[in-house]
Amino acid sequence: MIRARPLTAGAFAPFGDVLECGPGEVRAINAGMCDRFHDRARMDFGPGGRAGISLFRAKPRALPYRCDLLERHPEGSQAFIPMSEAPWLVIVAPDDGGRPGVPLAFLPAPGQGVNLLRNTWHGVLTPLAEPGLFAVIDRIGDTANLEECFLDEAFTVTS
């Protein structure tokens, strides 16, 4: 069993970027009426790929959450940007010889998204409430960019 913890940039850095308004470069734009929180993610679409924006609507899950599947994208990064302030869960794991290592779970604060680095093992999109609607920015290309790993032993995530 693993306990989900608050999502912070420092704890999440080995797996990707926390997308939020916060520390970092901020530029005033639109005649000073808008702050641009500049260049928040290490986007990577690899050779022969391009950035695509898709919308995902996932069915909500609940904690405790049983996880038996992790996946990764070997050819590009993948960003999840919630389109509501509803709670959601992020599960990641380091690579351990081509398979997921010991997982970690995070509970993003309202307004936080994530950018998963290329080849980062992660759980499926896991909203914890309706509407489960996310903008997803990832690699579009002719080659497969998905590797799934069904776990020999499922684990449970609690809050």
N, C-alpha and C. Protein backbone atom coordinates (compact mmCIF):
# COMPACT_ATOMS: atom_id res chain seq x y z
N MET A 1 0.85 -1.17 0.00
CA MET A 1 0.00 0.00 0.00
C MET A 1 0.90 1.23 0.00
N ILE A 2 0.50 2.23 -0.75
CA ILE A 2 1.23 3.50 -0.75
C ILE A 2 0.26 4.62 -0.41
N ARG A 3 0.79 5.64 0.22
CA ARG A 3 -0.02 6.80 0.59
C ARG A 3 0.28 7.93 -0.37
N ALA A 4 -0.77 8.48 -0.94
CA ALA A 4 -0.62 9.62 -1.84
C ALA A 4 -0.26 10.86 -1.03
N ARG A 5 0.66 11.63 -1.55
CA ARG A 5 1.10 12.84 -0.87
C ARG A 5 0.84 14.05 -1.76
N PRO A 6 0.92 15.24 -1.19
CA PRO A 6 0.71 16.44 -2.01
C PRO A 6 1.74 16.51 -3.13
N LEU A 7 1.30 17.02 -4.26
CA LEU A 7 2.17 17.16 -5.42
C LEU A 7 3.01 18.42 -5.27
N THR A 8 4.34 18.24 -5.26
CA THR A 8 5.26 19.38 -5.23
C THR A 8 6.26 19.23 -6.37
N ALA A 9 6.78 20.35 -6.84
CA ALA A 9 7.73 20.33 -7.95
C ALA A 9 8.98 19.53 -7.59
N GLY A 10 9.47 19.67 -6.37
CA GLY A 10 10.69 18.96 -5.97
C GLY A 10 10.51 17.45 -5.94
N ALA A 11 9.42 16.99 -5.35
CA ALA A 11 9.18 15.55 -5.24
C ALA A 11 8.90 14.92 -6.59
N PHE A 12 8.31 15.68 -7.51
CA PHE A 12 7.90 15.15 -8.81
C PHE A 12 8.99 15.28 -9.88
N ALA A 13 10.03 16.07 -9.63
CA ALA A 13 11.05 16.40 -10.64
C ALA A 13 11.66 15.19 -11.36
N PRO A 14 11.93 14.05 -10.70
CA PRO A 14 12.50 12.92 -11.45
C PRO A 14 11.57 12.36 -12.52
N PHE A 15 10.28 12.64 -12.41
CA PHE A 15 9.28 12.06 -13.31
C PHE A 15 8.74 13.06 -14.33
N GLY A 16 8.88 14.36 -14.02
CA GLY A 16 8.35 15.38 -14.92
C GLY A 16 8.22 16.72 -14.24
N ASP A 17 7.27 17.50 -14.73
CA ASP A 17 7.10 18.88 -14.28
C ASP A 17 5.71 19.07 -13.69
N VAL A 18 5.61 19.87 -12.63
CA VAL A 18 4.33 20.29 -12.10
C VAL A 18 3.92 21.55 -12.86
N LEU A 19 2.74 21.53 -13.42
CA LEU A 19 2.23 22.67 -14.18
C LEU A 19 1.35 23.49 -13.26
N GLU A 20 1.83 24.67 -12.87
CA GLU A 20 1.09 25.51 -11.94
C GLU A 20 1.60 26.94 -12.03
N CYS A 21 0.81 27.85 -11.55
CA CYS A 21 1.23 29.24 -11.41
C CYS A 21 2.01 29.31 -10.12
N GLY A 22 3.25 29.66 -10.19
CA GLY A 22 4.08 29.68 -9.00
C GLY A 22 5.46 30.19 -9.34
N PRO A 23 6.48 29.74 -8.57
CA PRO A 23 7.84 30.24 -8.79
C PRO A 23 8.29 30.00 -10.22
N GLY A 24 9.20 30.83 -10.66
CA GLY A 24 9.72 30.73 -12.02
C GLY A 24 9.49 32.04 -12.75
N GLU A 25 9.80 32.01 -14.03
CA GLU A 25 9.67 33.23 -14.83
C GLU A 25 8.20 33.58 -15.07
N VAL A 26 7.86 34.83 -14.74
CA VAL A 26 6.51 35.33 -14.98
C VAL A 26 6.65 36.61 -15.82
N ARG A 27 5.89 36.67 -16.91
CA ARG A 27 5.93 37.84 -17.80
C ARG A 27 4.56 38.49 -17.82
N ALA A 28 4.53 39.80 -17.66
CA ALA A 28 3.28 40.55 -17.82
C ALA A 28 3.03 40.73 -19.31
N ILE A 29 1.82 40.36 -19.76
CA ILE A 29 1.46 40.50 -21.17
C ILE A 29 0.08 41.14 -21.27
N ASN A 30 -0.38 41.35 -22.47
CA ASN A 30 -1.71 41.93 -22.72
C ASN A 30 -1.89 43.24 -21.96
N ALA A 31 -0.95 44.14 -22.19
CA ALA A 31 -0.98 45.47 -21.56
C ALA A 31 -1.05 45.38 -20.04
N GLY A 32 -0.34 44.37 -19.47
CA GLY A 32 -0.29 44.22 -18.03
C GLY A 32 -1.51 43.58 -17.40
N MET A 33 -2.44 43.10 -18.20
CA MET A 33 -3.68 42.51 -17.68
C MET A 33 -3.61 40.99 -17.51
N CYS A 34 -2.46 40.41 -17.86
CA CYS A 34 -2.32 38.95 -17.80
C CYS A 34 -0.89 38.60 -17.42
N ASP A 35 -0.73 37.62 -16.55
CA ASP A 35 0.58 37.08 -16.22
C ASP A 35 0.80 35.80 -17.00
N ARG A 36 1.92 35.72 -17.70
CA ARG A 36 2.30 34.49 -18.40
C ARG A 36 3.34 33.78 -17.54
N PHE A 37 2.98 32.61 -17.01
CA PHE A 37 3.90 31.78 -16.24
C PHE A 37 4.64 30.94 -17.29
N HIS A 38 5.82 31.42 -17.63
CA HIS A 38 6.52 31.05 -18.86
C HIS A 38 7.22 29.70 -18.79
N ASP A 39 7.09 28.92 -19.85
CA ASP A 39 7.88 27.72 -20.13
C ASP A 39 7.91 26.76 -18.94
N ARG A 40 6.79 26.20 -18.59
CA ARG A 40 6.63 25.38 -17.40
C ARG A 40 6.92 23.90 -17.58
N ALA A 41 7.17 23.43 -18.80
CA ALA A 41 7.33 21.99 -18.99
C ALA A 41 8.44 21.66 -19.98
N ARG A 42 9.09 20.55 -19.73
CA ARG A 42 10.12 20.03 -20.63
C ARG A 42 9.43 19.11 -21.66
N MET A 43 8.74 19.73 -22.60
CA MET A 43 8.02 18.97 -23.63
C MET A 43 9.02 18.30 -24.57
N ASP A 44 8.71 17.09 -25.01
CA ASP A 44 9.62 16.30 -25.82
C ASP A 44 8.78 15.43 -26.74
N PHE A 45 8.88 15.67 -28.05
CA PHE A 45 8.06 14.91 -28.99
C PHE A 45 8.89 14.02 -29.91
N GLY A 46 10.20 13.98 -29.71
CA GLY A 46 11.06 13.06 -30.43
C GLY A 46 11.07 13.29 -31.93
N PRO A 47 12.00 12.61 -32.61
CA PRO A 47 12.08 12.73 -34.07
C PRO A 47 10.79 12.21 -34.72
N GLY A 48 10.32 12.91 -35.72
CA GLY A 48 9.15 12.47 -36.46
C GLY A 48 7.83 12.68 -35.76
N GLY A 49 7.86 13.34 -34.60
CA GLY A 49 6.63 13.60 -33.86
C GLY A 49 6.30 15.07 -33.85
N ARG A 50 5.08 15.37 -33.46
CA ARG A 50 4.66 16.75 -33.31
C ARG A 50 3.76 16.84 -32.08
N ALA A 51 3.57 18.03 -31.58
CA ALA A 51 2.69 18.24 -30.43
C ALA A 51 1.23 18.13 -30.87
N GLY A 52 0.45 17.46 -30.06
CA GLY A 52 -0.98 17.37 -30.29
C GLY A 52 -1.71 17.69 -29.00
N ILE A 53 -2.87 18.30 -29.11
CA ILE A 53 -3.71 18.57 -27.95
C ILE A 53 -4.98 17.75 -28.12
N SER A 54 -5.26 16.90 -27.15
CA SER A 54 -6.47 16.07 -27.15
C SER A 54 -7.23 16.37 -25.88
N LEU A 55 -8.51 16.03 -25.86
CA LEU A 55 -9.32 16.13 -24.65
C LEU A 55 -9.66 14.72 -24.19
N PHE A 56 -9.48 14.46 -22.90
CA PHE A 56 -9.80 13.15 -22.31
C PHE A 56 -10.93 13.35 -21.31
N ARG A 57 -11.89 12.46 -21.33
CA ARG A 57 -12.93 12.44 -20.29
C ARG A 57 -12.88 11.06 -19.65
N ALA A 58 -12.37 11.00 -18.43
CA ALA A 58 -12.19 9.74 -17.72
C ALA A 58 -13.24 9.56 -16.63
N LYS A 59 -13.62 8.33 -16.42
CA LYS A 59 -14.58 8.03 -15.36
C LYS A 59 -13.89 8.16 -14.01
N PRO A 60 -14.55 8.81 -13.04
CA PRO A 60 -13.93 8.98 -11.72
C PRO A 60 -13.71 7.64 -11.01
N ARG A 61 -12.67 7.61 -10.22
CA ARG A 61 -12.34 6.48 -9.35
C ARG A 61 -12.45 6.99 -7.93
N ALA A 62 -12.13 6.15 -6.96
CA ALA A 62 -12.20 6.54 -5.55
C ALA A 62 -10.99 6.00 -4.80
N LEU A 63 -10.65 6.66 -3.72
CA LEU A 63 -9.62 6.17 -2.81
C LEU A 63 -10.31 5.36 -1.71
N PRO A 64 -9.76 4.26 -1.26
CA PRO A 64 -8.51 3.68 -1.76
C PRO A 64 -8.68 3.18 -3.19
N TYR A 65 -7.60 3.30 -3.95
CA TYR A 65 -7.60 2.96 -5.38
C TYR A 65 -6.64 1.80 -5.61
N ARG A 66 -7.12 0.77 -6.26
CA ARG A 66 -6.31 -0.40 -6.58
C ARG A 66 -5.72 -0.22 -7.97
N CYS A 67 -4.40 -0.27 -8.06
CA CYS A 67 -3.69 -0.06 -9.33
C CYS A 67 -2.99 -1.35 -9.75
N ASP A 68 -3.29 -1.79 -10.97
CA ASP A 68 -2.65 -3.00 -11.49
C ASP A 68 -2.04 -2.79 -12.88
N LEU A 69 -2.06 -1.55 -13.36
CA LEU A 69 -1.54 -1.24 -14.69
C LEU A 69 -0.78 0.08 -14.67
N LEU A 70 0.45 0.05 -15.17
CA LEU A 70 1.22 1.26 -15.40
C LEU A 70 1.60 1.28 -16.87
N GLU A 71 1.83 2.48 -17.38
CA GLU A 71 2.20 2.63 -18.79
C GLU A 71 3.27 3.70 -18.90
N ARG A 72 3.90 3.74 -20.07
CA ARG A 72 4.86 4.81 -20.37
C ARG A 72 4.84 5.07 -21.86
N HIS A 73 5.42 6.22 -22.21
CA HIS A 73 5.43 6.66 -23.60
C HIS A 73 6.89 6.86 -24.02
N PRO A 74 7.46 5.88 -24.76
CA PRO A 74 8.89 5.91 -25.06
C PRO A 74 9.30 6.97 -26.08
N GLU A 75 8.35 7.57 -26.79
CA GLU A 75 8.73 8.50 -27.85
C GLU A 75 8.41 9.95 -27.55
N GLY A 76 7.82 10.24 -26.39
CA GLY A 76 7.53 11.63 -26.09
C GLY A 76 6.91 11.85 -24.73
N SER A 77 6.96 13.08 -24.29
CA SER A 77 6.36 13.46 -23.01
C SER A 77 4.84 13.51 -23.15
N GLN A 78 4.17 13.61 -22.00
CA GLN A 78 2.70 13.68 -21.99
C GLN A 78 2.27 14.57 -20.83
N ALA A 79 1.52 15.63 -21.15
CA ALA A 79 1.05 16.57 -20.13
C ALA A 79 -0.45 16.41 -19.91
N PHE A 80 -0.85 16.43 -18.64
CA PHE A 80 -2.26 16.37 -18.25
C PHE A 80 -2.62 17.68 -17.56
N ILE A 81 -3.59 18.38 -18.12
CA ILE A 81 -4.03 19.66 -17.58
C ILE A 81 -5.52 19.55 -17.27
N PRO A 82 -5.87 19.51 -15.98
CA PRO A 82 -7.29 19.38 -15.64
C PRO A 82 -8.08 20.59 -16.10
N MET A 83 -9.30 20.34 -16.56
CA MET A 83 -10.16 21.42 -17.03
C MET A 83 -11.23 21.75 -15.98
N SER A 84 -11.00 21.33 -14.75
CA SER A 84 -11.82 21.70 -13.60
C SER A 84 -10.91 21.64 -12.39
N GLU A 85 -11.43 22.05 -11.24
CA GLU A 85 -10.64 21.97 -10.02
C GLU A 85 -10.97 20.73 -9.20
N ALA A 86 -11.58 19.75 -9.83
CA ALA A 86 -11.92 18.50 -9.15
C ALA A 86 -10.64 17.73 -8.80
N PRO A 87 -10.67 16.97 -7.70
CA PRO A 87 -9.47 16.23 -7.30
C PRO A 87 -9.13 15.11 -8.28
N TRP A 88 -7.83 14.80 -8.34
CA TRP A 88 -7.36 13.69 -9.17
C TRP A 88 -6.09 13.13 -8.58
N LEU A 89 -5.68 11.98 -9.09
CA LEU A 89 -4.55 11.23 -8.54
C LEU A 89 -3.51 11.03 -9.63
N VAL A 90 -2.23 11.18 -9.27
CA VAL A 90 -1.12 10.91 -10.18
C VAL A 90 -0.26 9.81 -9.56
N ILE A 91 -0.03 8.76 -10.33
CA ILE A 91 0.84 7.66 -9.90
C ILE A 91 2.01 7.59 -10.87
N VAL A 92 3.22 7.51 -10.35
CA VAL A 92 4.43 7.39 -11.16
C VAL A 92 5.35 6.34 -10.54
N ALA A 93 6.29 5.86 -11.32
CA ALA A 93 7.28 4.91 -10.82
C ALA A 93 8.56 5.07 -11.62
N PRO A 94 9.70 4.90 -10.96
CA PRO A 94 10.96 4.91 -11.71
C PRO A 94 11.08 3.64 -12.54
N ASP A 95 11.93 3.68 -13.53
CA ASP A 95 12.19 2.48 -14.33
C ASP A 95 13.14 1.57 -13.55
N ASP A 96 12.86 0.27 -13.58
CA ASP A 96 13.69 -0.72 -12.91
C ASP A 96 13.96 -1.85 -13.91
N GLY A 97 14.96 -1.64 -14.77
CA GLY A 97 15.30 -2.66 -15.74
C GLY A 97 14.23 -2.91 -16.79
N GLY A 98 13.54 -1.86 -17.20
CA GLY A 98 12.51 -1.99 -18.22
C GLY A 98 11.12 -2.27 -17.69
N ARG A 99 11.00 -2.30 -16.36
CA ARG A 99 9.69 -2.49 -15.72
C ARG A 99 9.53 -1.40 -14.65
N PRO A 100 8.30 -1.14 -14.23
CA PRO A 100 8.11 -0.13 -13.18
C PRO A 100 8.77 -0.54 -11.87
N GLY A 101 9.41 0.44 -11.22
CA GLY A 101 9.96 0.24 -9.90
C GLY A 101 8.91 0.56 -8.84
N VAL A 102 9.36 0.94 -7.66
CA VAL A 102 8.45 1.23 -6.54
C VAL A 102 7.65 2.49 -6.86
N PRO A 103 6.31 2.40 -6.85
CA PRO A 103 5.48 3.54 -7.25
C PRO A 103 5.38 4.61 -6.16
N LEU A 104 5.05 5.81 -6.63
CA LEU A 104 4.72 6.95 -5.76
C LEU A 104 3.37 7.48 -6.22
N ALA A 105 2.62 8.07 -5.31
CA ALA A 105 1.33 8.65 -5.67
C ALA A 105 1.27 10.08 -5.15
N PHE A 106 0.63 10.95 -5.94
CA PHE A 106 0.52 12.36 -5.61
C PHE A 106 -0.93 12.81 -5.78
N LEU A 107 -1.33 13.74 -4.92
CA LEU A 107 -2.63 14.39 -5.01
C LEU A 107 -2.41 15.84 -5.40
N PRO A 108 -2.64 16.19 -6.68
CA PRO A 108 -2.46 17.58 -7.10
C PRO A 108 -3.44 18.51 -6.38
N ALA A 109 -2.98 19.72 -6.13
CA ALA A 109 -3.86 20.76 -5.59
C ALA A 109 -4.72 21.29 -6.73
N PRO A 110 -5.83 21.93 -6.42
CA PRO A 110 -6.62 22.54 -7.50
C PRO A 110 -5.75 23.45 -8.35
N GLY A 111 -5.88 23.32 -9.65
CA GLY A 111 -5.10 24.14 -10.57
C GLY A 111 -3.76 23.56 -10.97
N GLN A 112 -3.36 22.42 -10.42
CA GLN A 112 -2.09 21.80 -10.80
C GLN A 112 -2.30 20.75 -11.88
N GLY A 113 -1.40 20.75 -12.87
CA GLY A 113 -1.32 19.70 -13.86
C GLY A 113 0.07 19.10 -13.80
N VAL A 114 0.34 18.11 -14.64
CA VAL A 114 1.67 17.52 -14.69
C VAL A 114 2.09 17.30 -16.14
N ASN A 115 3.40 17.34 -16.35
CA ASN A 115 4.00 16.92 -17.60
C ASN A 115 4.90 15.73 -17.26
N LEU A 116 4.57 14.57 -17.80
CA LEU A 116 5.36 13.36 -17.58
C LEU A 116 6.47 13.29 -18.62
N LEU A 117 7.69 13.11 -18.16
CA LEU A 117 8.82 13.01 -19.08
C LEU A 117 8.73 11.74 -19.92
N ARG A 118 9.38 11.76 -21.05
CA ARG A 118 9.45 10.58 -21.92
C ARG A 118 9.93 9.38 -21.09
N ASN A 119 9.28 8.23 -21.29
CA ASN A 119 9.64 6.96 -20.65
C ASN A 119 9.32 6.89 -19.16
N THR A 120 8.53 7.80 -18.63
CA THR A 120 8.15 7.75 -17.22
C THR A 120 6.97 6.80 -17.04
N TRP A 121 7.15 5.79 -16.20
CA TRP A 121 6.04 4.90 -15.86
C TRP A 121 5.01 5.69 -15.07
N HIS A 122 3.74 5.51 -15.43
CA HIS A 122 2.68 6.24 -14.73
C HIS A 122 1.38 5.46 -14.78
N GLY A 123 0.50 5.77 -13.84
CA GLY A 123 -0.83 5.17 -13.83
C GLY A 123 -1.70 5.82 -14.89
N VAL A 124 -2.85 5.22 -15.11
CA VAL A 124 -3.80 5.78 -16.06
C VAL A 124 -4.40 7.05 -15.47
N LEU A 125 -5.03 7.84 -16.31
CA LEU A 125 -5.69 9.07 -15.85
C LEU A 125 -6.72 8.71 -14.79
N THR A 126 -6.60 9.32 -13.61
CA THR A 126 -7.40 8.91 -12.46
C THR A 126 -8.07 10.11 -11.77
N PRO A 127 -9.15 10.62 -12.36
CA PRO A 127 -9.91 11.66 -11.64
C PRO A 127 -10.60 11.02 -10.43
N LEU A 128 -10.77 11.80 -9.37
CA LEU A 128 -11.44 11.31 -8.17
C LEU A 128 -12.84 11.90 -8.03
N ALA A 129 -13.27 12.68 -9.02
CA ALA A 129 -14.61 13.28 -9.03
C ALA A 129 -14.94 13.68 -10.46
N GLU A 130 -16.22 13.91 -10.71
CA GLU A 130 -16.66 14.43 -12.01
C GLU A 130 -16.11 15.85 -12.17
N PRO A 131 -15.84 16.33 -13.36
CA PRO A 131 -16.21 15.74 -14.63
C PRO A 131 -15.14 14.86 -15.26
N GLY A 132 -13.92 14.79 -14.70
CA GLY A 132 -12.87 13.96 -15.28
C GLY A 132 -12.39 14.43 -16.63
N LEU A 133 -12.45 15.75 -16.87
CA LEU A 133 -12.10 16.31 -18.17
C LEU A 133 -10.71 16.95 -18.11
N PHE A 134 -9.84 16.53 -19.05
CA PHE A 134 -8.46 16.99 -19.08
C PHE A 134 -8.06 17.34 -20.50
N ALA A 135 -7.23 18.38 -20.64
CA ALA A 135 -6.52 18.62 -21.88
C ALA A 135 -5.21 17.84 -21.77
N VAL A 136 -4.87 17.14 -22.83
CA VAL A 136 -3.66 16.32 -22.84
C VAL A 136 -2.82 16.76 -24.03
N ILE A 137 -1.56 17.08 -23.75
CA ILE A 137 -0.62 17.47 -24.79
C ILE A 137 0.41 16.37 -24.88
N ASP A 138 0.46 15.71 -26.03
CA ASP A 138 1.43 14.63 -26.19
C ASP A 138 1.83 14.47 -27.64
N ARG A 139 2.65 13.46 -27.88
CA ARG A 139 3.24 13.23 -29.20
C ARG A 139 2.21 12.62 -30.14
N ILE A 140 2.15 13.19 -31.33
CA ILE A 140 1.36 12.63 -32.42
C ILE A 140 2.36 12.21 -33.49
N GLY A 141 2.29 10.97 -33.93
CA GLY A 141 3.21 10.46 -34.94
C GLY A 141 2.73 9.13 -35.48
N ASP A 142 3.47 8.59 -36.41
CA ASP A 142 3.08 7.34 -37.07
C ASP A 142 3.46 6.10 -36.28
N THR A 143 4.32 6.21 -35.30
CA THR A 143 4.77 5.03 -34.55
C THR A 143 4.06 4.94 -33.21
N ALA A 144 4.02 3.74 -32.68
CA ALA A 144 3.38 3.51 -31.37
C ALA A 144 4.17 4.24 -30.29
N ASN A 145 3.46 4.86 -29.37
CA ASN A 145 4.11 5.59 -28.29
C ASN A 145 3.51 5.17 -26.96
N LEU A 146 3.25 3.88 -26.82
CA LEU A 146 2.63 3.36 -25.60
C LEU A 146 3.20 2.00 -25.28
N GLU A 147 3.63 1.84 -24.03
CA GLU A 147 4.04 0.54 -23.50
C GLU A 147 3.28 0.34 -22.20
N GLU A 148 2.53 -0.74 -22.11
CA GLU A 148 1.75 -1.04 -20.90
C GLU A 148 2.41 -2.17 -20.13
N CYS A 149 2.27 -2.10 -18.80
CA CYS A 149 2.79 -3.14 -17.93
C CYS A 149 1.71 -3.51 -16.91
N PHE A 150 1.13 -4.69 -17.09
CA PHE A 150 0.19 -5.20 -16.08
C PHE A 150 1.03 -5.77 -14.95
N LEU A 151 0.80 -5.30 -13.76
CA LEU A 151 1.64 -5.64 -12.61
C LEU A 151 1.33 -7.04 -12.10
N ASP A 152 2.37 -7.75 -11.68
CA ASP A 152 2.19 -9.07 -11.08
C ASP A 152 1.42 -8.96 -9.78
N GLU A 153 1.69 -7.89 -9.04
CA GLU A 153 0.97 -7.63 -7.79
C GLU A 153 0.42 -6.20 -7.82
N ALA A 154 -0.88 -6.07 -7.74
CA ALA A 154 -1.50 -4.74 -7.68
C ALA A 154 -1.13 -4.09 -6.34
N PHE A 155 -1.20 -2.77 -6.30
CA PHE A 155 -1.01 -2.04 -5.04
C PHE A 155 -2.20 -1.13 -4.82
N THR A 156 -2.38 -0.69 -3.60
CA THR A 156 -3.50 0.18 -3.24
C THR A 156 -2.95 1.53 -2.82
N VAL A 157 -3.61 2.58 -3.29
CA VAL A 157 -3.25 3.95 -2.95
C VAL A 157 -4.33 4.50 -1.99
N THR A 158 -3.88 5.08 -0.89
CA THR A 158 -4.76 5.72 0.06
C THR A 158 -4.41 7.20 0.18
N SER A 159 -5.29 7.95 0.83
CA SER A 159 -4.99 9.37 1.02
C SER A 159 -4.30 9.60 2.35
